[in-house]
Amino acid sequence: MSDAIICAQDVRYQYEDSENPAVNGVTLDVPAGEFLAVLGRNGSGKSTFAKLLNALLIPTSGTVTVDGRRATSEDDCYPVREVCGMVFQNPDNQIVATTVEEDCAFGPENLGVAPEEIRRRVDETLAAVGMAQFAQSSPSMLSGGQKQRVAVAGVLVMRPKIIVFDESTAMLDPVGRRDVFSLARKLNREEGITVVWITHFMDEAVLADRVAVMDDGKIAMLGAPREVFAHVDEIRALGLDVPEMMRLAAELRRKGLKLGAVTMTVEEMVEELCRLKSKI
């Protein structure tokens, strides 16, 4: 794919203490500006794949190219991370400073960015993630969702073209989960940042441009959410569930209700039921 900003070609990675590869022959192109959701049960290889994109891990074989930068050796790490940031599951693992604005400034300071430019970036970035009013606060006093926003700010201030979110909402309550996901969507839609969203929440995945389902280190399914989640039995066979509205639609069809299009959201379900009611 000529406009791909991420190219993974027959990528394998095997941990030293493992008999089998955690990632086993993945080939995947991600176009610039895409919001890609990556799903999979525990042990499917999705988090290992995420780390390969950010050069936290180097492929055992195969190639990973990120915005033209090959991630195939330790020497490649820093060039790759200049364009590909990563937000982890636990924000406490990547917050390093005693105040929010100091943490946000940490990355550009280490890149040697001029102080006046750092000041401008920090102010803009904290405003973008809705944390400007907490600039002088200690991260330890923030909620889980607020900490994750700070973690996102610490990546965003580096001006990456790609952000990989590795189950970044897994430890949050529903409100925090919604806020962080909405922020990622906003960065993708308004800033054009390519997002790779690793998750096990199906209702997040339905809003992605594409969904990749991993199993046993391989990509088992790939396509638009509506295409992938239409295969209810196959999704369940891979140890996953489908979005709530799709489960409801499947049950209604088993009861004889003739629903039309694949129904993934509450709004679509309401529209489809109203359509059927109008025919009665």
C-alpha atoms as a PDB file:
ATOM      1  CA  MET A   1       0.000   0.000   0.000  1.00  0.00           C
ATOM      2  CA  SER A   2       1.756   3.148  -1.260  1.00  0.00           C
ATOM      3  CA  ASP A   3       0.318   5.533   1.353  1.00  0.00           C
ATOM      4  CA  ALA A   4       1.020   3.228   4.306  1.00  0.00           C
ATOM      5  CA  ILE A   5       2.733   4.895   7.253  1.00  0.00           C
ATOM      6  CA  ILE A   6       3.220   1.504   8.988  1.00  0.00           C
ATOM      7  CA  CYS A   7       4.354  -1.551   7.038  1.00  0.00           C
ATOM      8  CA  ALA A   8       4.784  -4.900   8.785  1.00  0.00           C
ATOM      9  CA  GLN A   9       6.095  -7.639   6.513  1.00  0.00           C
ATOM     10  CA  ASP A  10       6.079 -11.277   7.712  1.00  0.00           C
ATOM     11  CA  VAL A  11       6.972 -10.118  11.240  1.00  0.00           C
ATOM     12  CA  ARG A  12       7.840 -12.640  13.924  1.00  0.00           C
ATOM     13  CA  TYR A  13       8.879 -12.160  17.518  1.00  0.00           C
ATOM     14  CA  GLN A  14       9.708 -14.903  20.007  1.00  0.00           C
ATOM     15  CA  TYR A  15      10.511 -14.300  23.670  1.00  0.00           C
ATOM     16  CA  GLU A  16      13.591 -16.111  24.957  1.00  0.00           C
ATOM     17  CA  ASP A  17      11.673 -18.182  27.497  1.00  0.00           C
ATOM     18  CA  SER A  18       8.911 -19.188  25.059  1.00  0.00           C
ATOM     19  CA  GLU A  19       8.637 -22.196  22.786  1.00  0.00           C
ATOM     20  CA  ASN A  20       6.373 -20.436  20.274  1.00  0.00           C
ATOM     21  CA  PRO A  21       6.449 -16.973  18.656  1.00  0.00           C
ATOM     22  CA  ALA A  22       4.277 -14.330  20.290  1.00  0.00           C
ATOM     23  CA  VAL A  23       3.906 -12.709  16.868  1.00  0.00           C
ATOM     24  CA  ASN A  24       3.986 -15.220  14.055  1.00  0.00           C
ATOM     25  CA  GLY A  25       4.146 -13.970  10.476  1.00  0.00           C
ATOM     26  CA  VAL A  26       2.114 -10.754  10.629  1.00  0.00           C
ATOM     27  CA  THR A  27       1.853  -8.732   7.433  1.00  0.00           C
ATOM     28  CA  LEU A  28      -0.103  -5.508   7.708  1.00  0.00           C
ATOM     29  CA  ASP A  29      -0.118  -2.035   6.146  1.00  0.00           C
ATOM     30  CA  VAL A  30      -1.661   0.908   8.008  1.00  0.00           C
ATOM     31  CA  PRO A  31      -2.468   3.966   5.883  1.00  0.00           C
ATOM     32  CA  ALA A  32      -1.580   7.415   7.234  1.00  0.00           C
ATOM     33  CA  GLY A  33      -4.494   8.884   9.185  1.00  0.00           C
ATOM     34  CA  GLU A  34      -6.219   5.561   9.876  1.00  0.00           C
ATOM     35  CA  PHE A  35      -7.748   4.569  13.194  1.00  0.00           C
ATOM     36  CA  LEU A  36      -6.955   0.846  13.471  1.00  0.00           C
ATOM     37  CA  ALA A  37      -8.320  -1.219  16.352  1.00  0.00           C
ATOM     38  CA  VAL A  38      -6.432  -4.402  17.218  1.00  0.00           C
ATOM     39  CA  LEU A  39      -8.361  -7.055  19.143  1.00  0.00           C
ATOM     40  CA  GLY A  40      -7.472 -10.421  20.602  1.00  0.00           C
ATOM     41  CA  ARG A  41      -7.815 -12.513  23.700  1.00  0.00           C
ATOM     42  CA  ASN A  42      -5.022 -12.582  26.286  1.00  0.00           C
ATOM     43  CA  GLY A  43      -1.897 -14.091  24.781  1.00  0.00           C
ATOM     44  CA  SER A  44      -2.959 -13.434  21.201  1.00  0.00           C
ATOM     45  CA  GLY A  45       0.118 -11.278  20.535  1.00  0.00           C
ATOM     46  CA  LYS A  46      -1.544  -7.874  20.229  1.00  0.00           C
ATOM     47  CA  SER A  47       0.553  -6.103  22.902  1.00  0.00           C
ATOM     48  CA  THR A  48       3.754  -7.646  21.554  1.00  0.00           C
ATOM     49  CA  PHE A  49       2.807  -6.370  18.107  1.00  0.00           C
ATOM     50  CA  ALA A  50       2.213  -2.904  19.583  1.00  0.00           C
ATOM     51  CA  LYS A  51       5.708  -2.866  21.076  1.00  0.00           C
ATOM     52  CA  LEU A  52       7.205  -3.867  17.727  1.00  0.00           C
ATOM     53  CA  LEU A  53       5.642  -0.778  16.138  1.00  0.00           C
ATOM     54  CA  ASN A  54       7.336   1.476  18.686  1.00  0.00           C
ATOM     55  CA  ALA A  55      10.671  -0.399  18.540  1.00  0.00           C
ATOM     56  CA  LEU A  56      10.389  -1.411  22.187  1.00  0.00           C
ATOM     57  CA  LEU A  57      10.925  -4.867  20.751  1.00  0.00           C
ATOM     58  CA  ILE A  58      12.929  -5.718  17.628  1.00  0.00           C
ATOM     59  CA  PRO A  59      11.538  -8.417  15.297  1.00  0.00           C
ATOM     60  CA  THR A  60      13.116 -11.860  15.446  1.00  0.00           C
ATOM     61  CA  SER A  61      12.536 -11.899  11.690  1.00  0.00           C
ATOM     62  CA  GLY A  62      10.633  -9.891   9.118  1.00  0.00           C
ATOM     63  CA  THR A  63      10.554  -6.113   8.858  1.00  0.00           C
ATOM     64  CA  VAL A  64       8.662  -3.258  10.477  1.00  0.00           C
ATOM     65  CA  THR A  65       8.834   0.114   8.731  1.00  0.00           C
ATOM     66  CA  VAL A  66       7.373   3.178  10.446  1.00  0.00           C
ATOM     67  CA  ASP A  67       7.106   6.334   8.336  1.00  0.00           C
ATOM     68  CA  GLY A  68      10.027   5.144   6.247  1.00  0.00           C
ATOM     69  CA  ARG A  69      12.135   4.193   9.284  1.00  0.00           C
ATOM     70  CA  ARG A  70      13.026   0.521   9.627  1.00  0.00           C
ATOM     71  CA  ALA A  71      12.700  -0.920  13.136  1.00  0.00           C
ATOM     72  CA  THR A  72      15.073  -3.847  12.756  1.00  0.00           C
ATOM     73  CA  SER A  73      17.901  -3.094  15.213  1.00  0.00           C
ATOM     74  CA  GLU A  74      18.586  -1.284  18.480  1.00  0.00           C
ATOM     75  CA  ASP A  75      20.045   1.611  16.478  1.00  0.00           C
ATOM     76  CA  ASP A  76      16.633   2.186  14.903  1.00  0.00           C
ATOM     77  CA  CYS A  77      14.794   2.779  18.184  1.00  0.00           C
ATOM     78  CA  TYR A  78      15.093   6.536  18.543  1.00  0.00           C
ATOM     79  CA  PRO A  79      14.293   7.480  14.916  1.00  0.00           C
ATOM     80  CA  VAL A  80      11.167   5.298  15.109  1.00  0.00           C
ATOM     81  CA  ARG A  81      10.040   6.785  18.420  1.00  0.00           C
ATOM     82  CA  GLU A  82      10.369  10.295  17.027  1.00  0.00           C
ATOM     83  CA  VAL A  83       7.351   9.572  14.826  1.00  0.00           C
ATOM     84  CA  CYS A  84       5.565   6.840  16.816  1.00  0.00           C
ATOM     85  CA  GLY A  85       4.543   7.471  20.417  1.00  0.00           C
ATOM     86  CA  MET A  86       3.024   4.933  22.783  1.00  0.00           C
ATOM     87  CA  VAL A  87       0.517   5.164  25.626  1.00  0.00           C
ATOM     88  CA  PHE A  88       0.535   2.208  28.011  1.00  0.00           C
ATOM     89  CA  GLN A  89      -2.147   0.541  30.075  1.00  0.00           C
ATOM     90  CA  ASN A  90      -0.931   1.987  33.373  1.00  0.00           C
ATOM     91  CA  PRO A  91      -0.191   5.748  33.181  1.00  0.00           C
ATOM     92  CA  ASP A  92       1.895   5.542  36.375  1.00  0.00           C
ATOM     93  CA  ASN A  93       4.495   3.661  34.333  1.00  0.00           C
ATOM     94  CA  GLN A  94       5.157   6.633  32.065  1.00  0.00           C
ATOM     95  CA  ILE A  95       4.577   9.696  34.261  1.00  0.00           C
ATOM     96  CA  VAL A  96       7.986  10.789  35.545  1.00  0.00           C
ATOM     97  CA  ALA A  97       7.681  14.324  36.973  1.00  0.00           C
ATOM     98  CA  THR A  98       6.174  15.939  40.061  1.00  0.00           C
ATOM     99  CA  THR A  99       3.796  18.283  38.210  1.00  0.00           C
ATOM    100  CA  VAL A 100       1.683  17.835  35.102  1.00  0.00           C
ATOM    101  CA  GLU A 101       3.438  20.515  33.060  1.00  0.00           C
ATOM    102  CA  GLU A 102       6.909  19.240  34.030  1.00  0.00           C
ATOM    103  CA  ASP A 103       5.917  15.771  32.881  1.00  0.00           C
ATOM    104  CA  CYS A 104       4.620  17.147  29.606  1.00  0.00           C
ATOM    105  CA  ALA A 105       7.887  19.050  29.068  1.00  0.00           C
ATOM    106  CA  PHE A 106      10.116  16.041  29.789  1.00  0.00           C
ATOM    107  CA  GLY A 107      10.137  14.608  26.261  1.00  0.00           C
ATOM    108  CA  PRO A 108      10.901  17.778  24.267  1.00  0.00           C
ATOM    109  CA  GLU A 109      13.539  18.790  26.834  1.00  0.00           C
ATOM    110  CA  ASN A 110      15.355  15.526  26.141  1.00  0.00           C
ATOM    111  CA  LEU A 111      15.154  16.223  22.415  1.00  0.00           C
ATOM    112  CA  GLY A 112      16.860  19.569  22.922  1.00  0.00           C
ATOM    113  CA  VAL A 113      13.857  21.668  21.889  1.00  0.00           C
ATOM    114  CA  ALA A 114      14.285  25.382  22.645  1.00  0.00           C
ATOM    115  CA  PRO A 115      12.720  26.492  25.980  1.00  0.00           C
ATOM    116  CA  GLU A 116      10.298  28.957  24.368  1.00  0.00           C
ATOM    117  CA  GLU A 117       9.110  26.251  21.965  1.00  0.00           C
ATOM    118  CA  ILE A 118       8.680  23.817  24.868  1.00  0.00           C
ATOM    119  CA  ARG A 119       6.558  26.389  26.707  1.00  0.00           C
ATOM    120  CA  ARG A 120       4.353  26.855  23.652  1.00  0.00           C
ATOM    121  CA  ARG A 121       4.004  23.116  23.029  1.00  0.00           C
ATOM    122  CA  VAL A 122       3.193  22.313  26.654  1.00  0.00           C
ATOM    123  CA  ASP A 123       0.480  24.986  26.855  1.00  0.00           C
ATOM    124  CA  GLU A 124      -1.059  23.904  23.544  1.00  0.00           C
ATOM    125  CA  THR A 125      -0.906  20.205  24.359  1.00  0.00           C
ATOM    126  CA  LEU A 126      -2.390  20.433  27.842  1.00  0.00           C
ATOM    127  CA  ALA A 127      -5.227  22.527  26.406  1.00  0.00           C
ATOM    128  CA  ALA A 128      -5.754  19.949  23.655  1.00  0.00           C
ATOM    129  CA  VAL A 129      -6.167  17.094  26.155  1.00  0.00           C
ATOM    130  CA  GLY A 130      -8.290  19.163  28.559  1.00  0.00           C
ATOM    131  CA  MET A 131      -5.691  19.304  31.330  1.00  0.00           C
ATOM    132  CA  ALA A 132      -4.568  22.968  31.201  1.00  0.00           C
ATOM    133  CA  GLN A 133      -6.187  23.746  34.546  1.00  0.00           C
ATOM    134  CA  PHE A 134      -4.138  20.981  36.175  1.00  0.00           C
ATOM    135  CA  ALA A 135      -0.749  22.177  34.881  1.00  0.00           C
ATOM    136  CA  GLN A 136       0.638  22.783  38.388  1.00  0.00           C
ATOM    137  CA  SER A 137      -1.028  19.733  39.952  1.00  0.00           C
ATOM    138  CA  SER A 138       0.772  16.625  41.109  1.00  0.00           C
ATOM    139  CA  PRO A 139      -0.083  13.624  38.900  1.00  0.00           C
ATOM    140  CA  SER A 140      -0.500  11.530  42.042  1.00  0.00           C
ATOM    141  CA  MET A 141      -3.572  13.601  42.955  1.00  0.00           C
ATOM    142  CA  LEU A 142      -5.365  12.982  39.664  1.00  0.00           C
ATOM    143  CA  SER A 143      -7.971  10.388  38.755  1.00  0.00           C
ATOM    144  CA  GLY A 144      -7.102   7.451  36.521  1.00  0.00           C
ATOM    145  CA  GLY A 145      -8.663   9.095  33.472  1.00  0.00           C
ATOM    146  CA  GLN A 146      -6.849  12.365  34.155  1.00  0.00           C
ATOM    147  CA  LYS A 147      -3.531  10.545  34.555  1.00  0.00           C
ATOM    148  CA  GLN A 148      -4.077   8.848  31.221  1.00  0.00           C
ATOM    149  CA  ARG A 149      -4.723  12.251  29.643  1.00  0.00           C
ATOM    150  CA  VAL A 150      -1.388  13.414  31.047  1.00  0.00           C
ATOM    151  CA  ALA A 151       0.266  10.329  29.575  1.00  0.00           C
ATOM    152  CA  VAL A 152      -1.295  11.145  26.191  1.00  0.00           C
ATOM    153  CA  ALA A 153      -0.063  14.747  26.530  1.00  0.00           C
ATOM    154  CA  GLY A 154       3.463  13.497  27.224  1.00  0.00           C
ATOM    155  CA  VAL A 155       3.372  11.672  23.883  1.00  0.00           C
ATOM    156  CA  LEU A 156       1.469  14.306  21.918  1.00  0.00           C
ATOM    157  CA  VAL A 157       3.879  17.094  22.875  1.00  0.00           C
ATOM    158  CA  MET A 158       6.576  15.232  20.920  1.00  0.00           C
ATOM    159  CA  ARG A 159       4.534  15.835  17.754  1.00  0.00           C
ATOM    160  CA  PRO A 160       4.341  12.183  16.613  1.00  0.00           C
ATOM    161  CA  LYS A 161       2.618  11.140  13.411  1.00  0.00           C
ATOM    162  CA  ILE A 162       1.447   7.885  15.040  1.00  0.00           C
ATOM    163  CA  ILE A 163       0.233   7.021  18.539  1.00  0.00           C
ATOM    164  CA  VAL A 164      -0.117   3.410  19.680  1.00  0.00           C
ATOM    165  CA  PHE A 165      -2.517   2.968  22.598  1.00  0.00           C
ATOM    166  CA  ASP A 166      -1.783  -0.367  24.297  1.00  0.00           C
ATOM    167  CA  GLU A 167      -5.002  -1.167  26.198  1.00  0.00           C
ATOM    168  CA  SER A 168      -4.872   2.375  27.545  1.00  0.00           C
ATOM    169  CA  THR A 169      -8.440   2.280  28.893  1.00  0.00           C
ATOM    170  CA  ALA A 170      -8.250  -1.162  30.537  1.00  0.00           C
ATOM    171  CA  MET A 171      -7.696   0.185  34.072  1.00  0.00           C
ATOM    172  CA  LEU A 172     -10.234   3.012  33.864  1.00  0.00           C
ATOM    173  CA  ASP A 173     -13.853   3.332  34.934  1.00  0.00           C
ATOM    174  CA  PRO A 174     -16.477   3.798  32.204  1.00  0.00           C
ATOM    175  CA  VAL A 175     -16.283   7.605  32.347  1.00  0.00           C
ATOM    176  CA  GLY A 176     -12.480   7.651  32.139  1.00  0.00           C
ATOM    177  CA  ARG A 177     -12.563   5.031  29.392  1.00  0.00           C
ATOM    178  CA  ARG A 178     -14.982   7.108  27.335  1.00  0.00           C
ATOM    179  CA  ASP A 179     -12.955  10.304  27.832  1.00  0.00           C
ATOM    180  CA  VAL A 180      -9.628   8.797  26.784  1.00  0.00           C
ATOM    181  CA  PHE A 181     -11.146   7.035  23.788  1.00  0.00           C
ATOM    182  CA  SER A 182     -12.876  10.253  22.718  1.00  0.00           C
ATOM    183  CA  LEU A 183      -9.562  12.075  22.979  1.00  0.00           C
ATOM    184  CA  ALA A 184      -7.864   9.491  20.759  1.00  0.00           C
ATOM    185  CA  ARG A 185     -10.664   9.822  18.202  1.00  0.00           C
ATOM    186  CA  LYS A 186     -10.353  13.616  18.286  1.00  0.00           C
ATOM    187  CA  LEU A 187      -6.594  13.478  17.690  1.00  0.00           C
ATOM    188  CA  ASN A 188      -7.189  11.133  14.775  1.00  0.00           C
ATOM    189  CA  ARG A 189     -10.041  13.081  13.175  1.00  0.00           C
ATOM    190  CA  GLU A 190      -8.866  16.640  13.805  1.00  0.00           C
ATOM    191  CA  GLU A 191      -5.070  16.339  13.907  1.00  0.00           C
ATOM    192  CA  GLY A 192      -4.675  13.538  11.367  1.00  0.00           C
ATOM    193  CA  ILE A 193      -2.651  11.392  13.771  1.00  0.00           C
ATOM    194  CA  THR A 194      -2.593   7.716  12.855  1.00  0.00           C
ATOM    195  CA  VAL A 195      -3.923   5.693  15.795  1.00  0.00           C
ATOM    196  CA  VAL A 196      -3.328   2.020  16.543  1.00  0.00           C
ATOM    197  CA  TRP A 197      -5.787   1.195  19.318  1.00  0.00           C
ATOM    198  CA  ILE A 198      -5.117  -2.092  21.138  1.00  0.00           C
ATOM    199  CA  THR A 199      -8.207  -3.028  23.123  1.00  0.00           C
ATOM    200  CA  HIS A 200     -10.500  -5.772  24.356  1.00  0.00           C
ATOM    201  CA  PHE A 201     -13.557  -3.501  24.460  1.00  0.00           C
ATOM    202  CA  MET A 202     -15.700  -4.290  21.429  1.00  0.00           C
ATOM    203  CA  ASP A 203     -17.710  -1.079  21.695  1.00  0.00           C
ATOM    204  CA  GLU A 204     -14.512   0.915  21.146  1.00  0.00           C
ATOM    205  CA  ALA A 205     -13.542  -1.162  18.139  1.00  0.00           C
ATOM    206  CA  VAL A 206     -16.826  -0.527  16.303  1.00  0.00           C
ATOM    207  CA  LEU A 207     -15.837   3.133  15.866  1.00  0.00           C
ATOM    208  CA  ALA A 208     -12.479   2.355  14.242  1.00  0.00           C
ATOM    209  CA  ASP A 209     -11.812   2.602  10.508  1.00  0.00           C
ATOM    210  CA  ARG A 210     -10.590  -1.003  10.449  1.00  0.00           C
ATOM    211  CA  VAL A 211     -10.358  -3.880  12.895  1.00  0.00           C
ATOM    212  CA  ALA A 212      -7.582  -6.471  13.041  1.00  0.00           C
ATOM    213  CA  VAL A 213      -8.301  -9.543  15.171  1.00  0.00           C
ATOM    214  CA  MET A 214      -5.222 -11.428  16.361  1.00  0.00           C
ATOM    215  CA  ASP A 215      -5.085 -15.034  17.466  1.00  0.00           C
ATOM    216  CA  ASP A 216      -2.055 -17.184  18.214  1.00  0.00           C
ATOM    217  CA  GLY A 217       0.287 -14.452  17.013  1.00  0.00           C
ATOM    218  CA  LYS A 218      -1.399 -14.073  13.621  1.00  0.00           C
ATOM    219  CA  ILE A 219      -4.020 -11.799  12.117  1.00  0.00           C
ATOM    220  CA  ALA A 220      -7.107 -13.962  11.956  1.00  0.00           C
ATOM    221  CA  MET A 221      -9.542 -11.336  10.656  1.00  0.00           C
ATOM    222  CA  LEU A 222      -9.091  -7.904   9.096  1.00  0.00           C
ATOM    223  CA  GLY A 223     -11.589  -5.434   7.703  1.00  0.00           C
ATOM    224  CA  ALA A 224     -14.090  -2.703   8.458  1.00  0.00           C
ATOM    225  CA  PRO A 225     -15.886  -3.198  11.804  1.00  0.00           C
ATOM    226  CA  ARG A 226     -19.177  -3.889  10.066  1.00  0.00           C
ATOM    227  CA  GLU A 227     -17.544  -6.653   8.008  1.00  0.00           C
ATOM    228  CA  VAL A 228     -15.610  -8.237  10.864  1.00  0.00           C
ATOM    229  CA  PHE A 229     -18.335  -8.198  13.499  1.00  0.00           C
ATOM    230  CA  ALA A 230     -20.874  -9.628  11.086  1.00  0.00           C
ATOM    231  CA  HIS A 231     -19.078 -12.979  11.626  1.00  0.00           C
ATOM    232  CA  VAL A 232     -20.488 -13.509  15.115  1.00  0.00           C
ATOM    233  CA  ASP A 233     -19.684 -17.204  15.401  1.00  0.00           C
ATOM    234  CA  GLU A 234     -16.118 -16.766  14.141  1.00  0.00           C
ATOM    235  CA  ILE A 235     -15.492 -13.893  16.571  1.00  0.00           C
ATOM    236  CA  ARG A 236     -16.736 -15.994  19.476  1.00  0.00           C
ATOM    237  CA  ALA A 237     -14.615 -18.948  18.352  1.00  0.00           C
ATOM    238  CA  LEU A 238     -11.585 -16.654  18.748  1.00  0.00           C
ATOM    239  CA  GLY A 239     -12.471 -16.080  22.410  1.00  0.00           C
ATOM    240  CA  LEU A 240     -14.016 -12.645  21.893  1.00  0.00           C
ATOM    241  CA  ASP A 241     -17.495 -11.219  21.989  1.00  0.00           C
ATOM    242  CA  VAL A 242     -19.255  -8.880  19.592  1.00  0.00           C
ATOM    243  CA  PRO A 243     -20.675  -5.423  20.407  1.00  0.00           C
ATOM    244  CA  GLU A 244     -23.773  -5.459  22.562  1.00  0.00           C
ATOM    245  CA  MET A 245     -26.133  -4.307  19.805  1.00  0.00           C
ATOM    246  CA  MET A 246     -24.838  -7.006  17.490  1.00  0.00           C
ATOM    247  CA  ARG A 247     -25.522  -9.642  20.159  1.00  0.00           C
ATOM    248  CA  LEU A 248     -29.033  -8.276  20.497  1.00  0.00           C
ATOM    249  CA  ALA A 249     -29.510  -8.271  16.728  1.00  0.00           C
ATOM    250  CA  ALA A 250     -28.361 -11.887  16.506  1.00  0.00           C
ATOM    251  CA  GLU A 251     -30.859 -12.912  19.195  1.00  0.00           C
ATOM    252  CA  LEU A 252     -33.685 -11.011  17.495  1.00  0.00           C
ATOM    253  CA  ARG A 253     -32.912 -12.738  14.200  1.00  0.00           C
ATOM    254  CA  ARG A 254     -33.015 -16.128  15.959  1.00  0.00           C
ATOM    255  CA  LYS A 255     -36.485 -15.163  17.211  1.00  0.00           C
ATOM    256  CA  GLY A 256     -37.581 -14.533  13.650  1.00  0.00           C
ATOM    257  CA  LEU A 257     -37.261 -10.756  13.440  1.00  0.00           C
ATOM    258  CA  LYS A 258     -36.103  -9.815   9.945  1.00  0.00           C
ATOM    259  CA  LEU A 259     -33.490  -7.184  10.698  1.00  0.00           C
ATOM    260  CA  GLY A 260     -31.769  -5.758   7.658  1.00  0.00           C
ATOM    261  CA  ALA A 261     -28.294  -4.186   7.827  1.00  0.00           C
ATOM    262  CA  VAL A 262     -25.602  -5.143  10.318  1.00  0.00           C
ATOM    263  CA  THR A 263     -26.509  -3.244  13.490  1.00  0.00           C
ATOM    264  CA  MET A 264     -23.594  -2.130  15.689  1.00  0.00           C
ATOM    265  CA  THR A 265     -24.799   0.873  17.710  1.00  0.00           C
ATOM    266  CA  VAL A 266     -27.836   1.816  19.775  1.00  0.00           C
ATOM    267  CA  GLU A 267     -28.803   4.445  17.205  1.00  0.00           C
ATOM    268  CA  GLU A 268     -28.699   1.904  14.383  1.00  0.00           C
ATOM    269  CA  MET A 269     -30.774  -0.556  16.401  1.00  0.00           C
ATOM    270  CA  VAL A 270     -33.427   2.076  17.129  1.00  0.00           C
ATOM    271  CA  GLU A 271     -33.542   3.017  13.437  1.00  0.00           C
ATOM    272  CA  GLU A 272     -33.866  -0.605  12.345  1.00  0.00           C
ATOM    273  CA  LEU A 273     -36.634  -1.404  14.869  1.00  0.00           C
ATOM    274  CA  CYS A 274     -38.535   1.706  13.819  1.00  0.00           C
ATOM    275  CA  ARG A 275     -38.251   0.600  10.202  1.00  0.00           C
ATOM    276  CA  LEU A 276     -39.711  -2.807  11.066  1.00  0.00           C
ATOM    277  CA  LYS A 277     -42.494  -1.262  13.128  1.00  0.00           C
ATOM    278  CA  SER A 278     -43.513   0.962  10.235  1.00  0.00           C
ATOM    279  CA  LYS A 279     -44.094  -2.158   8.122  1.00  0.00           C
ATOM    280  CA  ILE A 280     -46.458  -3.764  10.618  1.00  0.00           C
END
